[in-house]
Amino acid sequence: MTHKTRLYLISPPRFALEGFAAELASALSAGDVAAFQLRMKGKDDTPLGDGPILEAAARLLPIVQDAGCAFILNDRPDLAARLGADGVHIGQEDAPYAEARRLMGTDKQIGVTCHNSRHLAMQAAEAGADYVAFGAFFPTVTKDAKTRADPELLSWWQELMEIPCVAIGGVTVAEAEMLARAGADFLAVSAGVWSFPEGPAAAVRAFNAAFDRAQT
């Protein structure tokens, strides 16, 4: 295995801002984290208005960037561009890739949810996406996953394509080494870090230890 998998943190859908800001800073100081995605939703995964997202982003973006980590906003390329985020993550029902790229410019990262579809992933790569995300690999409490992906999909992608792939969906420390060995460039984790029994910082250390094991 030539590449080393890295951690991609995703926020809980709802949180108390000041308490979460402290948790995030602690997690980012505990080990290597490539990116943090702000993904805020109302109850039942409903979209939030701009206000709470902008307020949270203004507080969290400096913490993330000061830690040398990329700040990614979920769903909203318009707000991501306005905030000076490092990138945006779009789903299949969000703004089209071309629209996101127009809003974000050429030097920002755009990731695309591809579920368990090789076809959608190839389309995203050809359009110019900076990474593709496959999932859900496991049952998830964070959102109602529409598809289930097999780790073999990561291996197929790794052999074929240069563009990084992200594994998402119910990922915990227990599965980290297996998904890294399968070919995930990044593991996107939410509850697996924020609900970790020993706390988020311990989770970051545990994930990085698993990535180290996968390289041996």
N, C-alpha and C. Protein backbone atom coordinates (compact mmCIF):
# COMPACT_ATOMS: atom_id res chain seq x y z
N MET A 1 0.85 -1.19 0.00
CA MET A 1 0.00 0.00 0.00
C MET A 1 0.89 1.25 0.00
N THR A 2 0.75 2.07 -1.02
CA THR A 2 1.65 3.20 -1.17
C THR A 2 1.11 4.47 -0.51
N HIS A 3 -0.19 4.65 -0.53
CA HIS A 3 -0.75 5.87 0.04
C HIS A 3 -1.17 5.63 1.49
N LYS A 4 -1.24 6.71 2.24
CA LYS A 4 -1.73 6.61 3.61
C LYS A 4 -3.09 7.28 3.70
N THR A 5 -4.05 6.56 4.24
CA THR A 5 -5.40 7.09 4.42
C THR A 5 -5.37 8.22 5.45
N ARG A 6 -6.22 9.21 5.23
CA ARG A 6 -6.31 10.33 6.16
C ARG A 6 -7.76 10.53 6.62
N LEU A 7 -7.91 11.19 7.74
CA LEU A 7 -9.22 11.40 8.35
C LEU A 7 -9.88 12.66 7.80
N TYR A 8 -11.17 12.56 7.55
CA TYR A 8 -11.99 13.67 7.04
C TYR A 8 -13.16 13.80 8.03
N LEU A 9 -13.09 14.78 8.90
CA LEU A 9 -14.13 14.95 9.92
C LEU A 9 -15.36 15.62 9.34
N ILE A 10 -16.53 15.17 9.80
CA ILE A 10 -17.79 15.81 9.44
C ILE A 10 -18.50 16.21 10.73
N SER A 11 -19.01 17.42 10.77
CA SER A 11 -19.66 17.91 11.99
C SER A 11 -20.92 17.11 12.28
N PRO A 12 -21.36 17.08 13.54
CA PRO A 12 -22.71 16.59 13.81
C PRO A 12 -23.71 17.50 13.11
N PRO A 13 -24.90 17.00 12.79
CA PRO A 13 -25.88 17.85 12.11
C PRO A 13 -26.36 19.02 12.98
N ARG A 14 -26.34 18.83 14.31
CA ARG A 14 -26.76 19.88 15.24
C ARG A 14 -25.80 19.90 16.42
N PHE A 15 -25.47 21.09 16.91
CA PHE A 15 -24.55 21.20 18.04
C PHE A 15 -24.66 22.58 18.67
N ALA A 16 -24.22 22.67 19.94
CA ALA A 16 -24.08 23.95 20.63
C ALA A 16 -22.74 24.54 20.22
N LEU A 17 -22.75 25.73 19.64
CA LEU A 17 -21.58 26.23 18.91
C LEU A 17 -20.34 26.34 19.78
N GLU A 18 -20.41 26.98 20.94
CA GLU A 18 -19.19 27.18 21.72
C GLU A 18 -18.61 25.87 22.23
N GLY A 19 -19.47 24.99 22.70
CA GLY A 19 -18.99 23.69 23.18
C GLY A 19 -18.36 22.89 22.06
N PHE A 20 -18.98 22.94 20.87
CA PHE A 20 -18.44 22.19 19.75
C PHE A 20 -17.13 22.79 19.25
N ALA A 21 -17.02 24.11 19.28
CA ALA A 21 -15.77 24.75 18.86
C ALA A 21 -14.59 24.24 19.69
N ALA A 22 -14.81 24.09 20.99
CA ALA A 22 -13.75 23.58 21.86
C ALA A 22 -13.44 22.12 21.55
N GLU A 23 -14.48 21.32 21.32
CA GLU A 23 -14.30 19.90 20.96
C GLU A 23 -13.53 19.76 19.65
N LEU A 24 -13.86 20.60 18.69
CA LEU A 24 -13.22 20.55 17.39
C LEU A 24 -11.74 20.90 17.51
N ALA A 25 -11.44 21.96 18.25
CA ALA A 25 -10.04 22.36 18.43
C ALA A 25 -9.24 21.23 19.08
N SER A 26 -9.84 20.57 20.06
CA SER A 26 -9.18 19.45 20.74
C SER A 26 -8.93 18.30 19.78
N ALA A 27 -9.93 17.97 18.97
CA ALA A 27 -9.80 16.87 18.02
C ALA A 27 -8.71 17.16 16.99
N LEU A 28 -8.68 18.39 16.48
CA LEU A 28 -7.71 18.74 15.44
C LEU A 28 -6.27 18.76 15.97
N SER A 29 -6.13 18.98 17.27
CA SER A 29 -4.78 19.03 17.85
C SER A 29 -4.26 17.63 18.20
N ALA A 30 -5.12 16.63 18.07
CA ALA A 30 -4.76 15.29 18.55
C ALA A 30 -4.05 14.43 17.50
N GLY A 31 -4.05 14.85 16.23
CA GLY A 31 -3.42 14.04 15.20
C GLY A 31 -3.80 14.54 13.81
N ASP A 32 -3.34 13.82 12.80
CA ASP A 32 -3.54 14.25 11.42
C ASP A 32 -5.03 14.22 11.03
N VAL A 33 -5.54 15.35 10.59
CA VAL A 33 -6.89 15.46 10.03
C VAL A 33 -6.77 16.27 8.75
N ALA A 34 -7.22 15.71 7.64
CA ALA A 34 -7.06 16.37 6.33
C ALA A 34 -8.08 17.47 6.12
N ALA A 35 -9.32 17.20 6.53
CA ALA A 35 -10.41 18.13 6.21
C ALA A 35 -11.49 18.06 7.27
N PHE A 36 -12.23 19.15 7.37
CA PHE A 36 -13.41 19.21 8.23
C PHE A 36 -14.56 19.74 7.40
N GLN A 37 -15.68 19.01 7.41
CA GLN A 37 -16.86 19.44 6.67
C GLN A 37 -17.94 19.90 7.64
N LEU A 38 -18.40 21.13 7.44
CA LEU A 38 -19.52 21.64 8.21
C LEU A 38 -20.80 21.19 7.51
N ARG A 39 -21.52 20.29 8.18
CA ARG A 39 -22.76 19.75 7.63
C ARG A 39 -23.86 19.91 8.66
N MET A 40 -24.57 21.03 8.59
CA MET A 40 -25.62 21.34 9.56
C MET A 40 -26.99 21.10 8.95
N LYS A 41 -27.83 20.39 9.71
CA LYS A 41 -29.18 20.08 9.24
C LYS A 41 -30.17 20.30 10.37
N GLY A 42 -31.42 20.57 10.01
CA GLY A 42 -32.48 20.62 11.00
C GLY A 42 -32.94 19.20 11.33
N LYS A 43 -33.97 19.11 12.14
CA LYS A 43 -34.50 17.79 12.47
C LYS A 43 -34.99 17.11 11.20
N ASP A 44 -34.87 15.77 11.15
CA ASP A 44 -35.24 14.98 9.97
C ASP A 44 -34.46 15.38 8.74
N ASP A 45 -33.21 15.87 8.94
CA ASP A 45 -32.30 16.18 7.83
C ASP A 45 -32.80 17.33 6.95
N THR A 46 -33.65 18.19 7.49
CA THR A 46 -34.16 19.31 6.69
C THR A 46 -33.09 20.39 6.56
N PRO A 47 -33.09 21.13 5.45
CA PRO A 47 -32.08 22.20 5.27
C PRO A 47 -32.27 23.31 6.30
N LEU A 48 -31.16 23.93 6.68
CA LEU A 48 -31.19 25.07 7.60
C LEU A 48 -31.13 26.37 6.80
N GLY A 49 -31.59 27.45 7.41
CA GLY A 49 -31.43 28.76 6.80
C GLY A 49 -29.97 29.19 6.82
N ASP A 50 -29.67 30.26 6.09
CA ASP A 50 -28.28 30.71 5.97
C ASP A 50 -27.69 31.17 7.30
N GLY A 51 -28.50 31.79 8.14
CA GLY A 51 -28.01 32.41 9.37
C GLY A 51 -27.19 31.49 10.26
N PRO A 52 -27.76 30.36 10.70
CA PRO A 52 -27.01 29.47 11.58
C PRO A 52 -25.74 28.91 10.93
N ILE A 53 -25.79 28.66 9.63
CA ILE A 53 -24.62 28.12 8.93
C ILE A 53 -23.51 29.16 8.90
N LEU A 54 -23.87 30.40 8.57
CA LEU A 54 -22.87 31.47 8.50
C LEU A 54 -22.27 31.76 9.88
N GLU A 55 -23.11 31.71 10.91
CA GLU A 55 -22.63 31.96 12.27
C GLU A 55 -21.64 30.88 12.69
N ALA A 56 -22.01 29.62 12.44
CA ALA A 56 -21.13 28.51 12.82
C ALA A 56 -19.83 28.55 12.02
N ALA A 57 -19.94 28.81 10.72
CA ALA A 57 -18.76 28.83 9.88
C ALA A 57 -17.79 29.94 10.30
N ALA A 58 -18.33 31.10 10.65
CA ALA A 58 -17.47 32.22 11.06
C ALA A 58 -16.67 31.85 12.31
N ARG A 59 -17.27 31.06 13.19
CA ARG A 59 -16.60 30.65 14.43
C ARG A 59 -15.62 29.51 14.18
N LEU A 60 -16.00 28.56 13.33
CA LEU A 60 -15.22 27.32 13.19
C LEU A 60 -14.14 27.39 12.12
N LEU A 61 -14.36 28.16 11.06
CA LEU A 61 -13.40 28.19 9.95
C LEU A 61 -11.98 28.57 10.41
N PRO A 62 -11.82 29.61 11.25
CA PRO A 62 -10.45 29.94 11.68
C PRO A 62 -9.80 28.81 12.49
N ILE A 63 -10.58 28.11 13.30
CA ILE A 63 -10.04 26.99 14.10
C ILE A 63 -9.50 25.91 13.16
N VAL A 64 -10.27 25.62 12.13
CA VAL A 64 -9.91 24.56 11.18
C VAL A 64 -8.67 24.96 10.38
N GLN A 65 -8.70 26.15 9.80
CA GLN A 65 -7.59 26.58 8.95
C GLN A 65 -6.31 26.80 9.76
N ASP A 66 -6.44 27.27 11.00
CA ASP A 66 -5.26 27.45 11.85
C ASP A 66 -4.60 26.12 12.17
N ALA A 67 -5.38 25.04 12.12
CA ALA A 67 -4.84 23.70 12.38
C ALA A 67 -4.25 23.07 11.12
N GLY A 68 -4.23 23.83 10.01
CA GLY A 68 -3.69 23.30 8.76
C GLY A 68 -4.62 22.32 8.07
N CYS A 69 -5.90 22.46 8.34
CA CYS A 69 -6.92 21.54 7.85
C CYS A 69 -7.81 22.28 6.86
N ALA A 70 -8.34 21.59 5.87
CA ALA A 70 -9.23 22.21 4.88
C ALA A 70 -10.64 22.34 5.45
N PHE A 71 -11.26 23.51 5.27
CA PHE A 71 -12.63 23.73 5.72
C PHE A 71 -13.56 23.57 4.52
N ILE A 72 -14.43 22.56 4.59
CA ILE A 72 -15.36 22.23 3.50
C ILE A 72 -16.78 22.49 3.99
N LEU A 73 -17.58 23.13 3.16
CA LEU A 73 -18.99 23.34 3.50
C LEU A 73 -19.85 22.35 2.70
N ASN A 74 -20.85 21.80 3.35
CA ASN A 74 -21.75 20.85 2.70
C ASN A 74 -22.84 21.58 1.92
N ASP A 75 -23.11 21.10 0.73
CA ASP A 75 -24.31 21.46 -0.06
C ASP A 75 -24.32 22.84 -0.71
N ARG A 76 -23.63 23.82 -0.13
CA ARG A 76 -23.89 25.22 -0.50
C ARG A 76 -22.66 25.92 -1.08
N PRO A 77 -22.41 25.77 -2.40
CA PRO A 77 -21.28 26.46 -3.00
C PRO A 77 -21.39 27.98 -2.91
N ASP A 78 -22.62 28.50 -2.90
CA ASP A 78 -22.80 29.95 -2.80
C ASP A 78 -22.27 30.47 -1.47
N LEU A 79 -22.63 29.78 -0.38
CA LEU A 79 -22.14 30.20 0.94
C LEU A 79 -20.66 29.89 1.11
N ALA A 80 -20.21 28.78 0.56
CA ALA A 80 -18.80 28.40 0.67
C ALA A 80 -17.91 29.47 0.04
N ALA A 81 -18.33 29.98 -1.13
CA ALA A 81 -17.56 31.03 -1.80
C ALA A 81 -17.58 32.31 -0.99
N ARG A 82 -18.73 32.62 -0.43
CA ARG A 82 -18.88 33.84 0.37
C ARG A 82 -18.01 33.81 1.62
N LEU A 83 -17.88 32.63 2.21
CA LEU A 83 -17.14 32.47 3.46
C LEU A 83 -15.63 32.37 3.27
N GLY A 84 -15.20 32.08 2.05
CA GLY A 84 -13.78 31.79 1.84
C GLY A 84 -13.40 30.40 2.29
N ALA A 85 -14.36 29.48 2.20
CA ALA A 85 -14.08 28.08 2.55
C ALA A 85 -13.08 27.49 1.55
N ASP A 86 -12.41 26.43 1.98
CA ASP A 86 -11.44 25.77 1.10
C ASP A 86 -12.11 24.90 0.05
N GLY A 87 -13.39 24.58 0.28
CA GLY A 87 -14.08 23.75 -0.69
C GLY A 87 -15.53 23.55 -0.33
N VAL A 88 -16.22 22.79 -1.17
CA VAL A 88 -17.62 22.46 -0.95
C VAL A 88 -17.83 21.00 -1.31
N HIS A 89 -18.77 20.35 -0.60
CA HIS A 89 -19.15 18.98 -0.93
C HIS A 89 -20.59 19.00 -1.41
N ILE A 90 -20.81 18.43 -2.60
CA ILE A 90 -22.17 18.44 -3.17
C ILE A 90 -22.67 17.02 -3.36
N GLY A 91 -23.97 16.86 -3.10
CA GLY A 91 -24.65 15.60 -3.35
C GLY A 91 -25.25 15.59 -4.74
N GLN A 92 -25.87 14.47 -5.08
CA GLN A 92 -26.47 14.36 -6.41
C GLN A 92 -27.70 15.25 -6.57
N GLU A 93 -28.29 15.67 -5.44
CA GLU A 93 -29.49 16.52 -5.52
C GLU A 93 -29.16 18.00 -5.29
N ASP A 94 -27.88 18.31 -5.09
CA ASP A 94 -27.49 19.70 -4.83
C ASP A 94 -27.16 20.42 -6.14
N ALA A 95 -26.48 21.56 -6.02
CA ALA A 95 -26.08 22.31 -7.21
C ALA A 95 -25.25 21.42 -8.12
N PRO A 96 -25.44 21.50 -9.44
CA PRO A 96 -24.62 20.71 -10.37
C PRO A 96 -23.15 21.09 -10.22
N TYR A 97 -22.27 20.16 -10.58
CA TYR A 97 -20.84 20.39 -10.44
C TYR A 97 -20.40 21.67 -11.16
N ALA A 98 -20.88 21.87 -12.37
CA ALA A 98 -20.45 23.04 -13.17
C ALA A 98 -20.82 24.34 -12.46
N GLU A 99 -21.99 24.36 -11.84
CA GLU A 99 -22.43 25.56 -11.11
C GLU A 99 -21.56 25.77 -9.87
N ALA A 100 -21.26 24.68 -9.16
CA ALA A 100 -20.40 24.77 -7.98
C ALA A 100 -19.01 25.28 -8.37
N ARG A 101 -18.48 24.80 -9.47
CA ARG A 101 -17.15 25.24 -9.91
C ARG A 101 -17.17 26.72 -10.31
N ARG A 102 -18.24 27.13 -10.96
CA ARG A 102 -18.35 28.54 -11.36
C ARG A 102 -18.34 29.45 -10.12
N LEU A 103 -19.06 29.04 -9.09
CA LEU A 103 -19.15 29.84 -7.88
C LEU A 103 -17.86 29.81 -7.07
N MET A 104 -17.21 28.65 -7.04
CA MET A 104 -16.05 28.46 -6.15
C MET A 104 -14.74 28.91 -6.78
N GLY A 105 -14.65 28.88 -8.11
CA GLY A 105 -13.39 29.18 -8.77
C GLY A 105 -12.54 27.93 -8.94
N THR A 106 -11.43 28.09 -9.62
CA THR A 106 -10.64 26.92 -10.02
C THR A 106 -9.74 26.38 -8.93
N ASP A 107 -9.47 27.19 -7.91
CA ASP A 107 -8.47 26.77 -6.92
C ASP A 107 -9.08 26.18 -5.65
N LYS A 108 -10.38 25.97 -5.63
CA LYS A 108 -11.05 25.40 -4.45
C LYS A 108 -11.41 23.94 -4.70
N GLN A 109 -11.58 23.20 -3.62
CA GLN A 109 -11.90 21.77 -3.73
C GLN A 109 -13.41 21.56 -3.86
N ILE A 110 -13.77 20.66 -4.76
CA ILE A 110 -15.17 20.25 -4.87
C ILE A 110 -15.23 18.73 -4.83
N GLY A 111 -15.96 18.23 -3.83
CA GLY A 111 -16.17 16.79 -3.71
C GLY A 111 -17.61 16.45 -4.07
N VAL A 112 -17.80 15.25 -4.60
CA VAL A 112 -19.12 14.85 -5.09
C VAL A 112 -19.52 13.50 -4.50
N THR A 113 -20.72 13.45 -3.93
CA THR A 113 -21.29 12.18 -3.45
C THR A 113 -21.65 11.31 -4.65
N CYS A 114 -21.15 10.07 -4.65
CA CYS A 114 -21.43 9.16 -5.78
C CYS A 114 -22.12 7.88 -5.32
N HIS A 115 -22.53 7.83 -4.05
CA HIS A 115 -23.24 6.68 -3.49
C HIS A 115 -22.43 5.40 -3.72
N ASN A 116 -23.03 4.42 -4.40
CA ASN A 116 -22.30 3.17 -4.70
C ASN A 116 -22.16 3.00 -6.21
N SER A 117 -22.15 4.13 -6.94
CA SER A 117 -22.24 4.10 -8.40
C SER A 117 -20.89 4.36 -9.07
N ARG A 118 -20.40 3.40 -9.79
CA ARG A 118 -19.18 3.59 -10.58
C ARG A 118 -19.42 4.64 -11.67
N HIS A 119 -20.61 4.61 -12.25
CA HIS A 119 -20.95 5.53 -13.32
C HIS A 119 -20.93 6.98 -12.83
N LEU A 120 -21.58 7.25 -11.68
CA LEU A 120 -21.59 8.62 -11.15
C LEU A 120 -20.18 9.08 -10.80
N ALA A 121 -19.37 8.17 -10.27
CA ALA A 121 -18.00 8.53 -9.90
C ALA A 121 -17.17 8.88 -11.13
N MET A 122 -17.33 8.09 -12.20
CA MET A 122 -16.59 8.38 -13.44
C MET A 122 -17.04 9.73 -14.02
N GLN A 123 -18.33 9.98 -13.97
CA GLN A 123 -18.85 11.27 -14.45
C GLN A 123 -18.26 12.43 -13.66
N ALA A 124 -18.24 12.29 -12.34
CA ALA A 124 -17.70 13.37 -11.49
C ALA A 124 -16.22 13.60 -11.78
N ALA A 125 -15.49 12.51 -11.93
CA ALA A 125 -14.05 12.62 -12.21
C ALA A 125 -13.82 13.32 -13.55
N GLU A 126 -14.59 12.93 -14.55
CA GLU A 126 -14.43 13.54 -15.87
C GLU A 126 -14.80 15.02 -15.85
N ALA A 127 -15.75 15.40 -15.00
CA ALA A 127 -16.17 16.80 -14.91
C ALA A 127 -15.09 17.65 -14.24
N GLY A 128 -14.24 17.01 -13.41
CA GLY A 128 -13.17 17.76 -12.75
C GLY A 128 -13.23 17.76 -11.24
N ALA A 129 -14.06 16.90 -10.64
CA ALA A 129 -14.16 16.86 -9.18
C ALA A 129 -12.80 16.57 -8.55
N ASP A 130 -12.57 17.12 -7.36
CA ASP A 130 -11.31 16.91 -6.66
C ASP A 130 -11.30 15.61 -5.87
N TYR A 131 -12.48 15.11 -5.51
CA TYR A 131 -12.59 13.77 -4.91
C TYR A 131 -14.01 13.27 -5.10
N VAL A 132 -14.17 11.96 -5.02
CA VAL A 132 -15.50 11.34 -5.05
C VAL A 132 -15.71 10.62 -3.72
N ALA A 133 -16.96 10.60 -3.27
CA ALA A 133 -17.30 9.96 -2.00
C ALA A 133 -18.24 8.79 -2.24
N PHE A 134 -17.86 7.64 -1.75
CA PHE A 134 -18.68 6.43 -1.85
C PHE A 134 -19.28 6.08 -0.49
N GLY A 135 -20.51 5.55 -0.50
CA GLY A 135 -21.12 5.11 0.75
C GLY A 135 -22.62 4.86 0.57
N ALA A 136 -23.29 4.48 1.61
CA ALA A 136 -22.76 4.29 2.96
C ALA A 136 -22.20 2.87 3.10
N PHE A 137 -21.06 2.77 3.79
CA PHE A 137 -20.46 1.46 3.98
C PHE A 137 -21.09 0.70 5.13
N PHE A 138 -21.64 1.43 6.09
CA PHE A 138 -22.27 0.81 7.25
C PHE A 138 -23.51 1.61 7.62
N PRO A 139 -24.40 1.03 8.43
CA PRO A 139 -25.56 1.81 8.90
C PRO A 139 -25.09 3.07 9.63
N THR A 140 -25.79 4.16 9.42
CA THR A 140 -25.36 5.43 10.01
C THR A 140 -26.50 6.10 10.77
N VAL A 141 -26.15 6.71 11.90
CA VAL A 141 -27.16 7.42 12.68
C VAL A 141 -27.27 8.88 12.23
N THR A 142 -26.31 9.34 11.43
CA THR A 142 -26.25 10.76 11.07
C THR A 142 -27.26 11.13 9.98
N LYS A 143 -27.48 10.21 9.06
CA LYS A 143 -28.45 10.50 8.00
C LYS A 143 -29.04 9.18 7.50
N ASP A 144 -30.14 9.29 6.77
CA ASP A 144 -30.80 8.11 6.21
C ASP A 144 -30.11 7.78 4.88
N ALA A 145 -29.21 6.80 4.92
CA ALA A 145 -28.42 6.48 3.72
C ALA A 145 -29.28 5.78 2.68
N LYS A 146 -29.17 6.27 1.44
CA LYS A 146 -29.97 5.70 0.35
C LYS A 146 -29.35 4.44 -0.24
N THR A 147 -28.03 4.32 -0.12
CA THR A 147 -27.34 3.21 -0.77
C THR A 147 -26.34 2.57 0.18
N ARG A 148 -25.96 1.35 -0.12
CA ARG A 148 -24.92 0.66 0.63
C ARG A 148 -23.79 0.31 -0.34
N ALA A 149 -22.58 0.66 0.05
CA ALA A 149 -21.41 0.44 -0.81
C ALA A 149 -20.56 -0.70 -0.26
N ASP A 150 -19.86 -1.37 -1.16
CA ASP A 150 -18.98 -2.48 -0.80
C ASP A 150 -17.53 -2.01 -0.84
N PRO A 151 -16.69 -2.44 0.11
CA PRO A 151 -15.29 -2.01 0.10
C PRO A 151 -14.56 -2.30 -1.21
N GLU A 152 -15.03 -3.30 -1.95
CA GLU A 152 -14.39 -3.63 -3.24
C GLU A 152 -14.43 -2.44 -4.21
N LEU A 153 -15.44 -1.58 -4.03
CA LEU A 153 -15.57 -0.39 -4.87
C LEU A 153 -14.35 0.52 -4.69
N LEU A 154 -13.83 0.60 -3.47
CA LEU A 154 -12.65 1.42 -3.20
C LEU A 154 -11.42 0.86 -3.90
N SER A 155 -11.29 -0.46 -3.87
CA SER A 155 -10.15 -1.10 -4.53
C SER A 155 -10.19 -0.89 -6.03
N TRP A 156 -11.39 -1.02 -6.60
CA TRP A 156 -11.56 -0.80 -8.04
C TRP A 156 -11.16 0.62 -8.41
N TRP A 157 -11.63 1.58 -7.64
CA TRP A 157 -11.34 2.98 -7.93
C TRP A 157 -9.84 3.26 -7.80
N GLN A 158 -9.23 2.74 -6.76
CA GLN A 158 -7.82 2.98 -6.50
C GLN A 158 -6.94 2.47 -7.64
N GLU A 159 -7.32 1.35 -8.21
CA GLU A 159 -6.54 0.77 -9.31
C GLU A 159 -6.70 1.57 -10.60
N LEU A 160 -7.85 2.20 -10.74
CA LEU A 160 -8.22 2.81 -12.03
C LEU A 160 -7.93 4.31 -12.11
N MET A 161 -8.12 5.01 -10.99
CA MET A 161 -8.18 6.47 -11.05
C MET A 161 -7.15 7.13 -10.13
N GLU A 162 -6.75 8.35 -10.52
CA GLU A 162 -5.83 9.16 -9.70
C GLU A 162 -6.59 9.99 -8.66
N ILE A 163 -7.83 10.37 -8.98
CA ILE A 163 -8.59 11.25 -8.09
C ILE A 163 -8.91 10.52 -6.80
N PRO A 164 -8.71 11.15 -5.64
CA PRO A 164 -8.95 10.46 -4.37
C PRO A 164 -10.40 10.05 -4.16
N CYS A 165 -10.57 8.98 -3.38
CA CYS A 165 -11.90 8.53 -3.01
C CYS A 165 -12.06 8.59 -1.49
N VAL A 166 -13.26 8.93 -1.08
CA VAL A 166 -13.63 9.05 0.32
C VAL A 166 -14.65 7.97 0.65
N ALA A 167 -14.44 7.27 1.75
CA ALA A 167 -15.42 6.29 2.24
C ALA A 167 -16.22 6.95 3.35
N ILE A 168 -17.54 6.85 3.27
CA ILE A 168 -18.41 7.53 4.23
C ILE A 168 -19.55 6.61 4.62
N GLY A 169 -20.09 6.85 5.80
CA GLY A 169 -21.31 6.15 6.21
C GLY A 169 -21.10 5.16 7.33
N GLY A 170 -21.35 5.61 8.57
CA GLY A 170 -21.28 4.73 9.71
C GLY A 170 -19.90 4.23 10.06
N VAL A 171 -18.86 4.94 9.62
CA VAL A 171 -17.49 4.47 9.82
C VAL A 171 -17.05 4.71 11.26
N THR A 172 -16.53 3.68 11.89
CA THR A 172 -15.97 3.79 13.24
C THR A 172 -14.53 3.29 13.20
N VAL A 173 -13.84 3.44 14.34
CA VAL A 173 -12.45 2.99 14.44
C VAL A 173 -12.34 1.50 14.10
N ALA A 174 -13.37 0.74 14.43
CA ALA A 174 -13.33 -0.72 14.21
C ALA A 174 -13.17 -1.08 12.74
N GLU A 175 -13.70 -0.25 11.84
CA GLU A 175 -13.62 -0.54 10.40
C GLU A 175 -12.50 0.22 9.69
N ALA A 176 -11.82 1.08 10.40
CA ALA A 176 -10.88 2.00 9.75
C ALA A 176 -9.76 1.28 9.01
N GLU A 177 -9.14 0.30 9.65
CA GLU A 177 -8.01 -0.37 9.02
C GLU A 177 -8.46 -1.12 7.76
N MET A 178 -9.62 -1.79 7.84
CA MET A 178 -10.12 -2.54 6.70
C MET A 178 -10.40 -1.62 5.51
N LEU A 179 -11.05 -0.47 5.75
CA LEU A 179 -11.37 0.45 4.66
C LEU A 179 -10.10 1.09 4.09
N ALA A 180 -9.13 1.34 4.95
CA ALA A 180 -7.85 1.89 4.47
C ALA A 180 -7.16 0.87 3.57
N ARG A 181 -7.14 -0.38 3.99
CA ARG A 181 -6.52 -1.43 3.17
C ARG A 181 -7.27 -1.63 1.86
N ALA A 182 -8.59 -1.42 1.88
CA ALA A 182 -9.39 -1.59 0.65
C ALA A 182 -9.08 -0.52 -0.38
N GLY A 183 -8.57 0.65 0.08
CA GLY A 183 -8.19 1.67 -0.89
C GLY A 183 -8.74 3.06 -0.65
N ALA A 184 -9.38 3.29 0.50
CA ALA A 184 -9.91 4.64 0.78
C ALA A 184 -8.75 5.62 0.98
N ASP A 185 -8.79 6.73 0.27
CA ASP A 185 -7.81 7.79 0.50
C ASP A 185 -8.15 8.58 1.75
N PHE A 186 -9.44 8.72 2.00
CA PHE A 186 -9.93 9.42 3.18
C PHE A 186 -11.10 8.65 3.78
N LEU A 187 -11.22 8.69 5.11
CA LEU A 187 -12.41 8.18 5.78
C LEU A 187 -13.17 9.37 6.34
N ALA A 188 -14.41 9.54 5.90
CA ALA A 188 -15.26 10.62 6.41
C ALA A 188 -16.03 10.10 7.61
N VAL A 189 -15.85 10.77 8.74
CA VAL A 189 -16.39 10.26 10.00
C VAL A 189 -17.08 11.39 10.76
N SER A 190 -18.27 11.09 11.26
CA SER A 190 -18.97 12.04 12.12
C SER A 190 -19.16 11.43 13.51
N ALA A 191 -20.22 10.65 13.70
CA ALA A 191 -20.50 10.08 15.02
C ALA A 191 -19.34 9.22 15.53
N GLY A 192 -18.61 8.59 14.63
CA GLY A 192 -17.48 7.75 15.03
C GLY A 192 -16.39 8.50 15.75
N VAL A 193 -16.38 9.83 15.60
CA VAL A 193 -15.44 10.69 16.35
C VAL A 193 -16.16 11.39 17.50
N TRP A 194 -17.26 12.08 17.20
CA TRP A 194 -17.91 12.92 18.22
C TRP A 194 -18.56 12.11 19.32
N SER A 195 -18.94 10.86 19.03
CA SER A 195 -19.55 10.00 20.06
C SER A 195 -18.59 8.93 20.56
N PHE A 196 -17.31 9.06 20.26
CA PHE A 196 -16.31 8.09 20.71
C PHE A 196 -16.28 8.08 22.24
N PRO A 197 -16.30 6.88 22.86
CA PRO A 197 -16.43 6.82 24.32
C PRO A 197 -15.38 7.63 25.08
N GLU A 198 -14.14 7.64 24.58
CA GLU A 198 -13.07 8.36 25.29
C GLU A 198 -12.93 9.81 24.82
N GLY A 199 -13.81 10.24 23.93
CA GLY A 199 -13.78 11.63 23.47
C GLY A 199 -13.19 11.77 22.07
N PRO A 200 -13.47 12.91 21.40
CA PRO A 200 -13.03 13.12 20.02
C PRO A 200 -11.52 13.07 19.81
N ALA A 201 -10.76 13.63 20.74
CA ALA A 201 -9.30 13.63 20.56
C ALA A 201 -8.77 12.20 20.56
N ALA A 202 -9.28 11.37 21.46
CA ALA A 202 -8.87 9.96 21.51
C ALA A 202 -9.28 9.25 20.22
N ALA A 203 -10.43 9.63 19.66
CA ALA A 203 -10.87 9.02 18.40
C ALA A 203 -9.90 9.35 17.27
N VAL A 204 -9.48 10.61 17.18
CA VAL A 204 -8.53 11.01 16.14
C VAL A 204 -7.23 10.21 16.27
N ARG A 205 -6.76 10.04 17.49
CA ARG A 205 -5.54 9.23 17.70
C ARG A 205 -5.77 7.79 17.28
N ALA A 206 -6.93 7.24 17.61
CA ALA A 206 -7.23 5.84 17.28
C ALA A 206 -7.34 5.63 15.77
N PHE A 207 -7.97 6.56 15.08
CA PHE A 207 -8.07 6.45 13.62
C PHE A 207 -6.68 6.50 12.98
N ASN A 208 -5.86 7.43 13.42
CA ASN A 208 -4.52 7.53 12.84
C ASN A 208 -3.68 6.30 13.13
N ALA A 209 -3.85 5.69 14.29
CA ALA A 209 -3.15 4.45 14.60
C ALA A 209 -3.60 3.34 13.66
N ALA A 210 -4.90 3.31 13.36
CA ALA A 210 -5.42 2.31 12.41
C ALA A 210 -4.85 2.52 11.01
N PHE A 211 -4.72 3.79 10.60
CA PHE A 211 -4.14 4.07 9.28
C PHE A 211 -2.68 3.64 9.22
N ASP A 212 -1.97 3.83 10.32
CA ASP A 212 -0.57 3.37 10.38
C ASP A 212 -0.49 1.85 10.24
N ARG A 213 -1.40 1.15 10.91
CA ARG A 213 -1.41 -0.32 10.82
C ARG A 213 -1.71 -0.80 9.42
N ALA A 214 -2.59 -0.06 8.73
CA ALA A 214 -2.96 -0.47 7.37
C ALA A 214 -1.80 -0.37 6.40
N GLN A 215 -0.81 0.44 6.73
CA GLN A 215 0.34 0.59 5.84
C GLN A 215 1.37 -0.51 6.02
N THR A 216 1.29 -1.24 7.11
CA THR A 216 2.32 -2.26 7.37
C THR A 216 2.00 -3.57 6.68
